[in-house]
């Protein structure tokens, strides 16, 4: 009897401690797609001056538009330098969410855009995704803030 009460207390404590974290458990693909259906501006760890390049990823329906944009101290305009158009799909498991991106250029500079991205964090203001680089090895991680 004492054993079952202490086991129950441990399980209850574990549930209480994990209840504070935002989880992506048991979310459907349509729920994730709805949360993604915005424009997301890349957060850069290092800013280079006089200009800073960043990406804006826009998810709409099954398409993904990636704009490579440059902020400059010299010019006030932030017009896209390059625009890439591709497709995306969502896969979910009980504990993980994946974004599969495809149909982007398969050249030496942009091949890494065609990948399976693991969603590390997603809410109404931020997105963090990571993928394994198929050619160079290592991890590609991108952090975004929602722009609209």
N, C-alpha and C. Protein backbone atom coordinates (compact mmCIF):
# COMPACT_ATOMS: atom_id res chain seq x y z
N UNK A 1 0.81 -1.18 0.00
CA UNK A 1 0.00 0.00 0.00
C UNK A 1 0.86 1.26 0.00
N UNK A 2 1.91 1.25 0.84
CA UNK A 2 2.80 2.39 0.89
C UNK A 2 3.49 2.62 -0.46
N UNK A 3 3.83 1.51 -1.12
CA UNK A 3 4.51 1.58 -2.42
C UNK A 3 3.61 2.23 -3.47
N UNK A 4 2.34 1.88 -3.50
CA UNK A 4 1.44 2.44 -4.50
C UNK A 4 1.17 3.92 -4.25
N UNK A 5 1.13 4.34 -2.99
CA UNK A 5 0.92 5.76 -2.68
C UNK A 5 2.13 6.59 -3.11
N UNK A 6 3.35 6.08 -2.86
CA UNK A 6 4.54 6.83 -3.27
C UNK A 6 4.69 6.84 -4.79
N UNK A 7 4.32 5.76 -5.46
CA UNK A 7 4.35 5.73 -6.93
C UNK A 7 3.36 6.75 -7.49
N UNK A 8 2.18 6.79 -6.90
CA UNK A 8 1.17 7.76 -7.33
C UNK A 8 1.68 9.19 -7.13
N UNK A 9 2.36 9.46 -6.03
CA UNK A 9 2.90 10.79 -5.75
C UNK A 9 3.98 11.18 -6.75
N UNK A 10 4.81 10.23 -7.14
CA UNK A 10 5.87 10.50 -8.13
C UNK A 10 5.25 10.81 -9.49
N UNK A 11 4.28 10.04 -9.91
CA UNK A 11 3.61 10.27 -11.20
C UNK A 11 2.90 11.62 -11.18
N UNK A 12 2.23 11.94 -10.10
CA UNK A 12 1.53 13.22 -9.98
C UNK A 12 2.52 14.39 -10.04
N UNK A 13 3.66 14.26 -9.38
CA UNK A 13 4.68 15.32 -9.42
C UNK A 13 5.25 15.48 -10.82
N UNK A 14 5.47 14.38 -11.52
CA UNK A 14 5.99 14.46 -12.89
C UNK A 14 5.01 15.17 -13.81
N UNK A 15 3.73 14.88 -13.67
CA UNK A 15 2.71 15.55 -14.49
C UNK A 15 2.67 17.04 -14.17
N UNK A 16 2.78 17.39 -12.91
CA UNK A 16 2.75 18.80 -12.51
C UNK A 16 3.93 19.58 -13.09
N UNK A 17 5.13 18.97 -13.09
CA UNK A 17 6.30 19.67 -13.60
C UNK A 17 6.28 19.80 -15.11
N UNK A 18 5.72 18.84 -15.83
CA UNK A 18 5.67 18.94 -17.29
C UNK A 18 4.49 19.75 -17.77
N UNK A 19 3.53 20.03 -16.92
CA UNK A 19 2.35 20.78 -17.32
C UNK A 19 2.62 22.23 -17.64
N UNK A 20 3.75 22.77 -17.21
CA UNK A 20 4.06 24.17 -17.44
C UNK A 20 4.69 24.41 -18.82
N UNK A 21 5.19 23.40 -19.46
CA UNK A 21 5.87 23.55 -20.74
C UNK A 21 4.87 23.48 -21.88
N UNK A 22 5.13 24.27 -22.93
CA UNK A 22 4.31 24.19 -24.12
C UNK A 22 4.74 22.97 -24.91
N UNK A 23 3.81 22.09 -25.22
CA UNK A 23 4.13 20.85 -25.92
C UNK A 23 3.47 20.84 -27.29
N UNK A 24 4.10 20.17 -28.21
CA UNK A 24 3.53 19.97 -29.53
C UNK A 24 2.91 18.57 -29.65
N UNK A 25 2.68 17.92 -28.51
CA UNK A 25 2.15 16.56 -28.51
C UNK A 25 0.74 16.52 -29.06
N UNK A 26 0.48 15.48 -29.81
CA UNK A 26 -0.87 15.16 -30.29
C UNK A 26 -1.52 16.26 -31.11
N UNK A 27 -0.75 17.08 -31.77
CA UNK A 27 -1.32 18.10 -32.65
C UNK A 27 -1.49 17.51 -34.04
N UNK A 28 -2.56 17.87 -34.69
CA UNK A 28 -2.81 17.38 -36.04
C UNK A 28 -2.03 18.21 -37.06
N UNK A 29 -1.88 17.65 -38.25
CA UNK A 29 -1.18 18.35 -39.32
C UNK A 29 -1.92 19.64 -39.69
N UNK A 30 -3.25 19.61 -39.67
CA UNK A 30 -4.00 20.82 -40.01
C UNK A 30 -3.83 21.91 -38.95
N UNK A 31 -3.72 21.54 -37.68
CA UNK A 31 -3.48 22.53 -36.62
C UNK A 31 -2.11 23.20 -36.80
N UNK A 32 -1.10 22.40 -37.11
CA UNK A 32 0.25 22.93 -37.32
C UNK A 32 0.26 23.83 -38.55
N UNK A 33 -0.41 23.39 -39.62
CA UNK A 33 -0.46 24.19 -40.84
C UNK A 33 -1.11 25.54 -40.59
N UNK A 34 -2.14 25.56 -39.77
CA UNK A 34 -2.82 26.81 -39.44
C UNK A 34 -1.90 27.73 -38.64
N UNK A 35 -1.13 27.17 -37.70
CA UNK A 35 -0.19 27.97 -36.91
C UNK A 35 0.95 28.52 -37.76
N UNK A 36 1.32 27.82 -38.84
CA UNK A 36 2.42 28.25 -39.70
C UNK A 36 2.01 29.27 -40.76
N UNK A 37 0.74 29.36 -41.08
CA UNK A 37 0.26 30.13 -42.24
C UNK A 37 0.43 31.63 -42.10
N UNK A 38 1.67 32.05 -41.92
CA UNK A 38 2.02 33.47 -41.78
C UNK A 38 3.38 33.69 -42.42
N UNK A 39 3.86 34.91 -42.33
CA UNK A 39 5.24 35.22 -42.73
C UNK A 39 6.10 35.24 -41.48
N UNK A 40 7.30 34.69 -41.61
CA UNK A 40 8.22 34.55 -40.48
C UNK A 40 9.56 35.16 -40.86
N UNK A 41 10.01 36.15 -40.08
CA UNK A 41 11.29 36.84 -40.32
C UNK A 41 12.38 36.16 -39.50
N UNK A 42 13.47 35.84 -40.17
CA UNK A 42 14.59 35.17 -39.52
C UNK A 42 15.23 36.06 -38.46
N UNK A 43 15.55 35.47 -37.33
CA UNK A 43 16.28 36.16 -36.27
C UNK A 43 17.75 35.80 -36.44
N UNK A 44 18.59 36.79 -36.57
CA UNK A 44 20.01 36.55 -36.78
C UNK A 44 20.76 36.65 -35.46
N UNK A 45 21.74 35.78 -35.30
CA UNK A 45 22.56 35.80 -34.09
C UNK A 45 23.62 36.91 -34.17
N UNK A 46 24.11 37.16 -35.38
CA UNK A 46 25.15 38.17 -35.59
C UNK A 46 24.68 39.12 -36.67
N UNK A 47 24.78 40.40 -36.42
CA UNK A 47 24.44 41.40 -37.43
C UNK A 47 25.72 41.95 -38.02
N UNK A 48 25.74 42.01 -39.35
CA UNK A 48 26.90 42.55 -40.05
C UNK A 48 26.51 43.90 -40.63
N UNK A 49 27.31 44.88 -40.37
CA UNK A 49 27.03 46.21 -40.89
C UNK A 49 28.04 46.53 -41.97
N UNK A 50 27.73 47.29 -43.00
CA UNK A 50 26.59 48.19 -43.17
C UNK A 50 25.31 47.51 -43.65
N UNK A 51 25.32 46.20 -43.92
CA UNK A 51 24.07 45.56 -44.32
C UNK A 51 23.92 44.22 -43.60
N UNK A 52 22.68 43.81 -43.44
CA UNK A 52 22.37 42.55 -42.79
C UNK A 52 21.40 41.78 -43.68
N UNK A 53 21.78 40.56 -44.04
CA UNK A 53 20.91 39.70 -44.84
C UNK A 53 20.12 38.78 -43.93
N UNK A 54 18.86 38.61 -44.25
CA UNK A 54 18.01 37.69 -43.51
C UNK A 54 16.96 37.14 -44.47
N UNK A 55 16.25 36.09 -44.02
CA UNK A 55 15.22 35.47 -44.83
C UNK A 55 13.85 35.72 -44.22
N UNK A 56 12.86 35.77 -45.10
CA UNK A 56 11.47 35.78 -44.68
C UNK A 56 10.82 34.56 -45.32
N UNK A 57 10.30 33.67 -44.49
CA UNK A 57 9.62 32.47 -44.96
C UNK A 57 8.12 32.71 -44.85
N UNK A 58 7.39 32.53 -45.96
CA UNK A 58 5.94 32.71 -45.97
C UNK A 58 5.29 31.39 -46.35
N UNK A 59 4.51 30.85 -45.43
CA UNK A 59 3.78 29.60 -45.63
C UNK A 59 2.36 29.94 -46.03
N UNK A 60 1.91 29.42 -47.18
CA UNK A 60 0.54 29.65 -47.62
C UNK A 60 0.08 28.43 -48.40
N UNK A 61 -1.06 27.88 -47.99
CA UNK A 61 -1.57 26.64 -48.56
C UNK A 61 -0.47 25.58 -48.50
N UNK A 62 -0.04 25.07 -49.65
CA UNK A 62 1.05 24.08 -49.67
C UNK A 62 2.35 24.68 -50.21
N UNK A 63 2.39 25.99 -50.38
CA UNK A 63 3.59 26.62 -50.95
C UNK A 63 4.36 27.38 -49.87
N UNK A 64 5.66 27.45 -50.10
CA UNK A 64 6.57 28.19 -49.22
C UNK A 64 7.38 29.14 -50.08
N UNK A 65 7.31 30.42 -49.77
CA UNK A 65 8.08 31.45 -50.48
C UNK A 65 9.15 31.95 -49.52
N UNK A 66 10.40 31.90 -49.95
CA UNK A 66 11.51 32.37 -49.14
C UNK A 66 12.12 33.57 -49.83
N UNK A 67 12.11 34.70 -49.13
CA UNK A 67 12.71 35.93 -49.66
C UNK A 67 14.01 36.19 -48.92
N UNK A 68 15.09 36.36 -49.68
CA UNK A 68 16.36 36.77 -49.11
C UNK A 68 16.39 38.28 -49.20
N UNK A 69 16.42 38.94 -48.05
CA UNK A 69 16.29 40.39 -47.98
C UNK A 69 17.51 40.98 -47.29
N UNK A 70 17.78 42.23 -47.58
CA UNK A 70 18.94 42.89 -47.00
C UNK A 70 18.52 44.24 -46.41
N UNK A 71 18.75 44.41 -45.11
CA UNK A 71 18.60 45.72 -44.47
C UNK A 71 19.92 46.44 -44.60
N UNK A 72 19.87 47.69 -44.93
CA UNK A 72 21.09 48.45 -45.12
C UNK A 72 21.03 49.76 -44.37
N UNK A 73 22.15 50.18 -43.83
CA UNK A 73 22.23 51.49 -43.19
C UNK A 73 22.25 52.60 -44.24
N UNK A 74 22.65 52.25 -45.45
CA UNK A 74 22.76 53.23 -46.52
C UNK A 74 21.40 53.53 -47.14
N UNK A 75 20.58 52.49 -47.32
CA UNK A 75 19.27 52.63 -47.95
C UNK A 75 18.19 52.21 -46.97
N UNK A 76 17.05 52.90 -47.02
CA UNK A 76 15.95 52.56 -46.11
C UNK A 76 15.05 51.47 -46.67
N UNK A 77 15.25 51.07 -47.92
CA UNK A 77 14.40 50.03 -48.50
C UNK A 77 14.94 48.66 -48.14
N UNK A 78 14.01 47.72 -48.00
CA UNK A 78 14.39 46.33 -47.69
C UNK A 78 13.79 45.43 -48.76
N UNK A 79 14.09 45.73 -50.02
CA UNK A 79 13.55 44.95 -51.12
C UNK A 79 14.22 43.58 -51.18
N UNK A 80 13.46 42.54 -51.55
CA UNK A 80 14.05 41.21 -51.64
C UNK A 80 15.16 41.16 -52.69
N UNK A 81 16.26 40.50 -52.34
CA UNK A 81 17.36 40.31 -53.28
C UNK A 81 17.11 39.08 -54.14
N UNK A 82 16.57 38.04 -53.54
CA UNK A 82 16.23 36.79 -54.23
C UNK A 82 14.93 36.27 -53.65
N UNK A 83 14.16 35.59 -54.49
CA UNK A 83 12.92 34.96 -54.05
C UNK A 83 12.94 33.52 -54.53
N UNK A 84 12.74 32.59 -53.60
CA UNK A 84 12.70 31.16 -53.91
C UNK A 84 11.29 30.65 -53.63
N UNK A 85 10.78 29.86 -54.55
CA UNK A 85 9.44 29.29 -54.38
C UNK A 85 9.54 27.78 -54.34
N UNK A 86 8.89 27.19 -53.36
CA UNK A 86 8.90 25.75 -53.22
C UNK A 86 7.61 25.28 -52.57
N UNK A 87 7.65 24.04 -52.11
CA UNK A 87 6.48 23.43 -51.48
C UNK A 87 6.85 22.96 -50.08
N UNK A 88 5.83 22.79 -49.26
CA UNK A 88 6.06 22.22 -47.94
C UNK A 88 4.90 21.31 -47.57
N UNK A 89 5.20 20.39 -46.68
CA UNK A 89 4.17 19.52 -46.12
C UNK A 89 4.49 19.30 -44.65
N UNK A 90 3.48 18.90 -43.90
CA UNK A 90 3.61 18.68 -42.47
C UNK A 90 3.44 17.20 -42.17
N UNK A 91 4.30 16.66 -41.33
CA UNK A 91 4.15 15.30 -40.80
C UNK A 91 4.21 15.40 -39.28
N UNK A 92 3.34 14.68 -38.62
CA UNK A 92 3.35 14.68 -37.16
C UNK A 92 3.42 13.25 -36.63
N UNK A 93 4.05 13.10 -35.49
CA UNK A 93 4.01 11.86 -34.73
C UNK A 93 3.41 12.22 -33.37
N UNK A 94 3.40 11.29 -32.45
CA UNK A 94 2.85 11.60 -31.14
C UNK A 94 3.61 12.71 -30.43
N UNK A 95 4.94 12.77 -30.65
CA UNK A 95 5.75 13.72 -29.89
C UNK A 95 6.52 14.72 -30.74
N UNK A 96 6.49 14.59 -32.06
CA UNK A 96 7.28 15.49 -32.90
C UNK A 96 6.48 16.01 -34.08
N UNK A 97 6.93 17.17 -34.58
CA UNK A 97 6.34 17.79 -35.76
C UNK A 97 7.47 18.02 -36.76
N UNK A 98 7.22 17.67 -38.03
CA UNK A 98 8.21 17.84 -39.08
C UNK A 98 7.62 18.67 -40.21
N UNK A 99 8.45 19.56 -40.78
CA UNK A 99 8.10 20.32 -41.97
C UNK A 99 9.03 19.83 -43.07
N UNK A 100 8.46 19.29 -44.13
CA UNK A 100 9.25 18.83 -45.28
C UNK A 100 9.19 19.89 -46.37
N UNK A 101 10.35 20.42 -46.75
CA UNK A 101 10.40 21.44 -47.80
C UNK A 101 11.03 20.83 -49.05
N UNK A 102 10.50 21.22 -50.21
CA UNK A 102 10.98 20.66 -51.48
C UNK A 102 10.79 21.65 -52.61
N UNK A 103 11.32 21.30 -53.77
CA UNK A 103 11.22 22.08 -55.02
C UNK A 103 12.00 23.38 -54.98
N UNK A 104 12.99 23.48 -54.13
CA UNK A 104 13.89 24.63 -54.11
C UNK A 104 15.11 24.30 -54.97
N UNK A 105 15.92 25.28 -55.35
CA UNK A 105 17.10 24.99 -56.19
C UNK A 105 17.99 23.93 -55.55
N UNK A 106 18.47 23.04 -56.39
CA UNK A 106 19.34 21.97 -55.90
C UNK A 106 20.78 22.26 -56.30
N UNK A 107 21.22 23.49 -56.02
CA UNK A 107 22.60 23.87 -56.35
C UNK A 107 23.43 23.92 -55.08
N UNK A 108 24.69 24.26 -55.22
CA UNK A 108 25.62 24.24 -54.09
C UNK A 108 25.25 25.23 -52.99
N UNK A 109 24.55 26.30 -53.33
CA UNK A 109 24.22 27.32 -52.34
C UNK A 109 22.91 27.05 -51.59
N UNK A 110 21.93 26.44 -52.24
CA UNK A 110 20.59 26.37 -51.65
C UNK A 110 20.03 24.96 -51.50
N UNK A 111 20.81 23.93 -51.72
CA UNK A 111 20.33 22.55 -51.61
C UNK A 111 19.73 22.26 -50.23
N UNK A 112 20.25 22.89 -49.19
CA UNK A 112 19.84 22.62 -47.82
C UNK A 112 18.40 23.05 -47.52
N UNK A 113 17.80 23.84 -48.42
CA UNK A 113 16.40 24.22 -48.24
C UNK A 113 15.46 23.03 -48.47
N UNK A 114 15.90 22.05 -49.27
CA UNK A 114 15.13 20.84 -49.51
C UNK A 114 15.45 19.84 -48.40
N UNK A 115 14.66 19.87 -47.34
CA UNK A 115 15.01 19.07 -46.16
C UNK A 115 13.78 18.73 -45.34
N UNK A 116 14.00 17.85 -44.37
CA UNK A 116 13.00 17.58 -43.36
C UNK A 116 13.41 18.35 -42.11
N UNK A 117 12.60 19.33 -41.74
CA UNK A 117 12.89 20.20 -40.60
C UNK A 117 12.11 19.71 -39.39
N UNK A 118 12.77 19.59 -38.27
CA UNK A 118 12.11 19.27 -37.01
C UNK A 118 11.68 20.58 -36.36
N UNK A 119 10.43 20.66 -35.96
CA UNK A 119 9.95 21.86 -35.29
C UNK A 119 10.37 21.75 -33.82
N UNK A 120 11.25 22.65 -33.43
CA UNK A 120 11.75 22.68 -32.07
C UNK A 120 10.80 23.50 -31.20
N UNK A 121 10.26 24.58 -31.76
CA UNK A 121 9.36 25.47 -31.02
C UNK A 121 8.43 26.14 -32.01
N UNK A 122 7.17 26.24 -31.65
CA UNK A 122 6.19 26.94 -32.49
C UNK A 122 5.08 27.48 -31.60
N UNK A 123 4.87 28.79 -31.67
CA UNK A 123 3.71 29.40 -31.05
C UNK A 123 3.30 30.60 -31.89
N UNK A 124 2.40 31.44 -31.40
CA UNK A 124 1.88 32.53 -32.22
C UNK A 124 2.88 33.65 -32.47
N UNK A 125 4.06 33.59 -31.86
CA UNK A 125 5.03 34.66 -32.10
C UNK A 125 6.40 34.15 -32.57
N UNK A 126 6.70 32.87 -32.39
CA UNK A 126 8.02 32.38 -32.74
C UNK A 126 8.01 31.00 -33.35
N UNK A 127 9.06 30.72 -34.12
CA UNK A 127 9.25 29.43 -34.78
C UNK A 127 10.74 29.11 -34.76
N UNK A 128 11.08 27.89 -34.32
CA UNK A 128 12.46 27.41 -34.37
C UNK A 128 12.41 26.05 -35.03
N UNK A 129 13.22 25.89 -36.09
CA UNK A 129 13.28 24.63 -36.83
C UNK A 129 14.73 24.22 -37.00
N UNK A 130 14.95 22.92 -37.16
CA UNK A 130 16.31 22.40 -37.35
C UNK A 130 16.26 21.22 -38.30
N UNK A 131 17.31 21.09 -39.12
CA UNK A 131 17.43 19.95 -40.02
C UNK A 131 18.89 19.52 -40.10
N UNK A 132 19.08 18.30 -40.52
CA UNK A 132 20.42 17.79 -40.72
C UNK A 132 20.86 18.14 -42.13
N UNK A 133 22.06 18.69 -42.27
CA UNK A 133 22.58 19.06 -43.59
C UNK A 133 22.99 17.78 -44.32
N UNK A 134 22.36 17.47 -45.48
CA UNK A 134 22.63 16.20 -46.16
C UNK A 134 24.01 16.12 -46.82
N UNK A 135 24.63 17.24 -47.12
CA UNK A 135 25.93 17.21 -47.80
C UNK A 135 27.08 17.61 -46.90
N UNK A 136 26.93 18.68 -46.16
CA UNK A 136 28.03 19.20 -45.35
C UNK A 136 28.08 18.59 -43.96
N UNK A 137 27.01 17.93 -43.55
CA UNK A 137 26.94 17.41 -42.19
C UNK A 137 26.59 18.52 -41.22
N UNK A 138 26.28 18.16 -40.02
CA UNK A 138 25.92 19.16 -39.03
C UNK A 138 24.45 19.50 -39.07
N UNK A 139 24.08 20.51 -38.32
CA UNK A 139 22.69 20.91 -38.16
C UNK A 139 22.48 22.32 -38.70
N UNK A 140 21.41 22.50 -39.46
CA UNK A 140 20.94 23.83 -39.86
C UNK A 140 19.81 24.19 -38.92
N UNK A 141 19.94 25.29 -38.23
CA UNK A 141 18.87 25.74 -37.34
C UNK A 141 18.48 27.15 -37.73
N UNK A 142 17.20 27.41 -37.77
CA UNK A 142 16.68 28.72 -38.10
C UNK A 142 15.68 29.13 -37.03
N UNK A 143 15.77 30.39 -36.60
CA UNK A 143 14.83 30.95 -35.64
C UNK A 143 14.10 32.11 -36.30
N UNK A 144 12.80 32.18 -36.07
CA UNK A 144 11.97 33.19 -36.73
C UNK A 144 11.04 33.85 -35.73
N UNK A 145 10.63 35.06 -36.09
CA UNK A 145 9.57 35.77 -35.38
C UNK A 145 8.47 36.06 -36.41
N UNK A 146 7.23 35.91 -35.98
CA UNK A 146 6.11 36.14 -36.91
C UNK A 146 5.98 37.62 -37.23
N UNK A 147 5.75 37.93 -38.50
CA UNK A 147 5.72 39.34 -38.92
C UNK A 147 4.33 39.89 -39.11
N UNK A 148 3.32 39.06 -39.20
CA UNK A 148 1.97 39.61 -39.41
C UNK A 148 0.97 39.02 -38.45
